Protein backbone atom coordinates (compact mmCIF):
# COMPACT_ATOMS: atom_id res chain seq x y z
CA UNK A 1 -84.46 -140.02 -35.65
CA UNK A 2 -81.44 -137.85 -36.45
CA UNK A 3 -81.45 -134.40 -34.92
CA UNK A 4 -77.94 -133.09 -35.56
CA UNK A 5 -75.68 -133.02 -38.58
CA UNK A 6 -73.23 -135.33 -36.76
CA UNK A 7 -76.01 -137.87 -36.13
CA UNK A 8 -77.03 -137.65 -39.77
CA UNK A 9 -73.43 -138.23 -40.86
CA UNK A 10 -73.25 -141.35 -38.68
CA UNK A 11 -76.59 -142.54 -40.06
CA UNK A 12 -75.29 -142.11 -43.60
CA UNK A 13 -71.99 -143.87 -42.83
CA UNK A 14 -73.76 -146.90 -41.32
CA UNK A 15 -75.82 -147.27 -44.49
CA UNK A 16 -73.08 -146.39 -47.00
CA UNK A 17 -75.04 -143.40 -48.28
CA UNK A 18 -73.29 -141.02 -50.66
CA UNK A 19 -75.03 -137.73 -51.49
CA UNK A 20 -75.35 -135.58 -54.58
CA UNK A 21 -77.22 -132.27 -54.44
CA UNK A 22 -78.96 -130.23 -57.12
CA UNK A 23 -79.51 -126.85 -55.51
CA UNK A 24 -81.25 -123.75 -56.74
CA UNK A 25 -82.52 -121.51 -53.95
CA UNK A 26 -80.05 -122.88 -51.38
CA UNK A 27 -77.14 -122.25 -53.79
CA UNK A 28 -74.89 -124.92 -52.28
CA UNK A 29 -75.89 -124.64 -48.61
CA UNK A 30 -77.09 -128.25 -48.42
CA UNK A 31 -73.72 -129.57 -49.56
CA UNK A 32 -71.86 -127.00 -47.45
CA UNK A 33 -73.77 -128.01 -44.34
CA UNK A 34 -72.80 -131.66 -44.80
CA UNK A 35 -69.23 -130.60 -45.59
CA UNK A 36 -69.04 -129.12 -42.07
CA UNK A 37 -68.70 -132.70 -40.77
CA UNK A 38 -65.18 -134.14 -40.53
CA UNK A 39 -64.77 -136.88 -43.12
CA UNK A 40 -67.49 -135.44 -45.35
CA UNK A 41 -65.61 -136.72 -48.39
CA UNK A 42 -67.06 -140.14 -47.59
CA UNK A 43 -70.59 -138.71 -47.57
CA UNK A 44 -70.70 -136.17 -50.40
CA UNK A 45 -69.99 -136.99 -54.04
CA UNK A 46 -70.78 -133.67 -55.69
CA UNK A 47 -73.09 -130.67 -55.71
CA UNK A 48 -74.73 -128.85 -58.59
CA UNK A 49 -75.80 -125.25 -58.09
CA UNK A 50 -78.25 -124.60 -60.91
CA UNK A 51 -79.81 -121.25 -60.20
CA UNK A 52 -81.01 -120.36 -63.70
CA UNK A 53 -83.44 -122.34 -65.85
CA UNK A 54 -80.71 -122.66 -68.48
CA UNK A 55 -78.30 -124.29 -66.02
CA UNK A 56 -81.02 -126.72 -64.91
CA UNK A 57 -81.25 -127.82 -68.55
CA UNK A 58 -77.53 -127.77 -69.30
CA UNK A 59 -76.14 -129.32 -66.11
CA UNK A 60 -78.99 -131.59 -64.99
CA UNK A 61 -80.79 -132.34 -68.23
CA UNK A 62 -84.11 -130.96 -67.01
CA UNK A 63 -86.29 -131.03 -70.13
CA UNK A 64 -87.29 -127.66 -71.57
CA UNK A 65 -90.89 -128.90 -71.61
CA UNK A 66 -90.82 -129.39 -67.81
CA UNK A 67 -89.53 -125.86 -67.33
CA UNK A 68 -92.07 -124.33 -69.72
CA UNK A 69 -95.07 -126.30 -68.43
CA UNK A 70 -94.38 -125.92 -64.70
CA UNK A 71 -93.35 -123.08 -62.46
CA UNK A 72 -89.70 -123.21 -61.38
CA UNK A 73 -91.02 -123.46 -57.82
CA UNK A 74 -92.67 -126.84 -58.29
CA UNK A 75 -92.18 -130.40 -57.18
CA UNK A 76 -92.09 -131.46 -60.83
CA UNK A 77 -88.98 -129.34 -61.39
CA UNK A 78 -87.38 -130.50 -58.12
CA UNK A 79 -87.96 -134.14 -59.10
CA UNK A 80 -86.44 -133.57 -62.56
CA UNK A 81 -83.45 -131.86 -60.94
CA UNK A 82 -82.77 -134.74 -58.54
CA UNK A 83 -83.12 -137.27 -61.36
CA UNK A 84 -80.55 -135.36 -63.40
CA UNK A 85 -78.15 -135.15 -60.47
CA UNK A 86 -78.44 -138.88 -59.87
CA UNK A 87 -77.71 -139.61 -63.55
CA UNK A 88 -74.57 -137.44 -63.37
CA UNK A 89 -73.26 -138.91 -60.12
CA UNK A 90 -72.20 -142.16 -58.53
CA UNK A 91 -74.21 -141.18 -55.42
CA UNK A 92 -76.98 -143.40 -54.10
CA UNK A 93 -78.93 -140.54 -52.50
CA UNK A 94 -79.80 -137.14 -53.96
CA UNK A 95 -81.48 -133.96 -52.80
CA UNK A 96 -82.82 -131.15 -54.97
CA UNK A 97 -84.39 -127.84 -54.01
CA UNK A 98 -86.01 -125.02 -55.90
CA UNK A 99 -88.09 -122.19 -54.54
CA UNK A 100 -88.63 -118.61 -53.53
CA UNK A 101 -86.73 -117.24 -50.56
CA UNK A 102 -88.22 -113.76 -50.83
CA UNK A 103 -91.19 -112.00 -52.43
CA UNK A 104 -90.13 -112.25 -56.09
CA UNK A 105 -93.35 -113.71 -57.52
CA UNK A 106 -96.79 -112.48 -56.41
CA UNK A 107 -98.29 -115.93 -57.06
CA UNK A 108 -95.84 -117.81 -54.81
CA UNK A 109 -95.61 -116.99 -51.09
CA UNK A 110 -92.10 -116.08 -49.88
CA UNK A 111 -90.36 -119.00 -48.23
CA UNK A 112 -91.97 -121.63 -50.49
CA UNK A 113 -89.53 -124.43 -51.21
CA UNK A 114 -89.99 -127.54 -53.34
CA UNK A 115 -87.71 -130.40 -52.43
CA UNK A 116 -87.03 -133.85 -53.83
CA UNK A 117 -85.07 -136.80 -52.50
CA UNK A 118 -83.92 -139.75 -54.62
CA UNK A 119 -82.52 -143.11 -53.55
CA UNK A 120 -80.85 -145.57 -55.86
CA UNK A 121 -81.92 -149.15 -55.15
CA UNK A 122 -79.92 -151.20 -57.63
CA UNK A 123 -80.81 -149.62 -60.96
CA UNK A 124 -84.13 -148.14 -59.87
CA UNK A 125 -84.72 -144.72 -58.35
CA UNK A 126 -87.17 -144.06 -55.56
CA UNK A 127 -88.12 -140.37 -55.62
CA UNK A 128 -90.05 -138.41 -53.01
CA UNK A 129 -90.99 -134.75 -53.02
CA UNK A 130 -92.74 -132.17 -50.90
CA UNK A 131 -93.43 -128.47 -50.73
CA UNK A 132 -92.72 -126.55 -47.54
CA UNK A 133 -92.89 -122.93 -46.52
CA UNK A 134 -90.21 -121.59 -44.19
CA UNK A 135 -90.51 -118.30 -42.28
CA UNK A 136 -87.99 -115.50 -42.08
CA UNK A 137 -85.84 -113.43 -44.36
CA UNK A 138 -83.99 -114.75 -47.40
CA UNK A 139 -81.04 -116.13 -45.45
CA UNK A 140 -83.25 -117.77 -42.80
CA UNK A 141 -85.30 -119.52 -45.50
CA UNK A 142 -82.20 -120.80 -47.27
CA UNK A 143 -80.63 -122.09 -44.02
CA UNK A 144 -83.86 -123.73 -42.88
CA UNK A 145 -84.32 -125.39 -46.27
CA UNK A 146 -80.80 -126.84 -46.24
CA UNK A 147 -81.19 -128.20 -42.71
CA UNK A 148 -84.63 -129.64 -43.42
CA UNK A 149 -83.50 -131.28 -46.66
CA UNK A 150 -80.65 -133.09 -44.93
CA UNK A 151 -82.61 -134.15 -41.87
CA UNK A 152 -85.32 -135.74 -44.05
CA UNK A 153 -82.85 -138.25 -45.55
CA UNK A 154 -83.57 -140.92 -42.87
CA UNK A 155 -87.34 -140.44 -43.15
CA UNK A 156 -87.41 -141.05 -46.90
CA UNK A 157 -84.65 -143.65 -46.88
CA UNK A 158 -86.74 -145.79 -44.54
CA UNK A 159 -89.86 -145.62 -46.72
CA UNK A 160 -90.90 -148.85 -48.38
CA UNK A 161 -88.72 -150.87 -45.97
CA UNK A 162 -85.47 -149.81 -47.67
CA UNK A 163 -83.46 -149.28 -44.47
C-alpha cells in the first residue's frame, strides 16, 4: 500500500502509469500534488480544470443530458468527466473529481466529493467511482480530496487482477 506521494510515484513508474486529471472542486490540486515529485513529467500527461458545467461540456465532452439529469456533485458526472479526459489524453490512468467544498447547496453536505478513476486496458476502460465526505474548511476539503484521489490509484489499479 502506498502511503506517501513518493511511494505512489514509484508505484506508477514500475507499472508505466501516466495520469490525466479532470478536476472541478480541487481546481488542479491533484495534478499539482503529483507535480511535487521530481520527474513528474514521466507520470503526468495533462490536467483539465473544468469548474463550470459549460467547461465540462466543452473540454471533456460531458453530455448536456448528463449535466441536466444529474447533480454536478454526482458519481455519474465524475465518471463522464474521467471518460472525457481519457479520450483527450494518451494517459492510461485518469482521475476526476466534482463536489462541494463548502455549504453552497442545502441538499448536499459540505465536503461531499464524487471521484472517478479510469484505467485503460488496451482499448477498454475500467472505471470506478465513489462518493466521500471530507471534514474541514474549503481548503482542507480540497487538499484531502486531492490526496485521497491519488492514493486510491493502487487500490483501483489492482482490481480485477490488472496489476
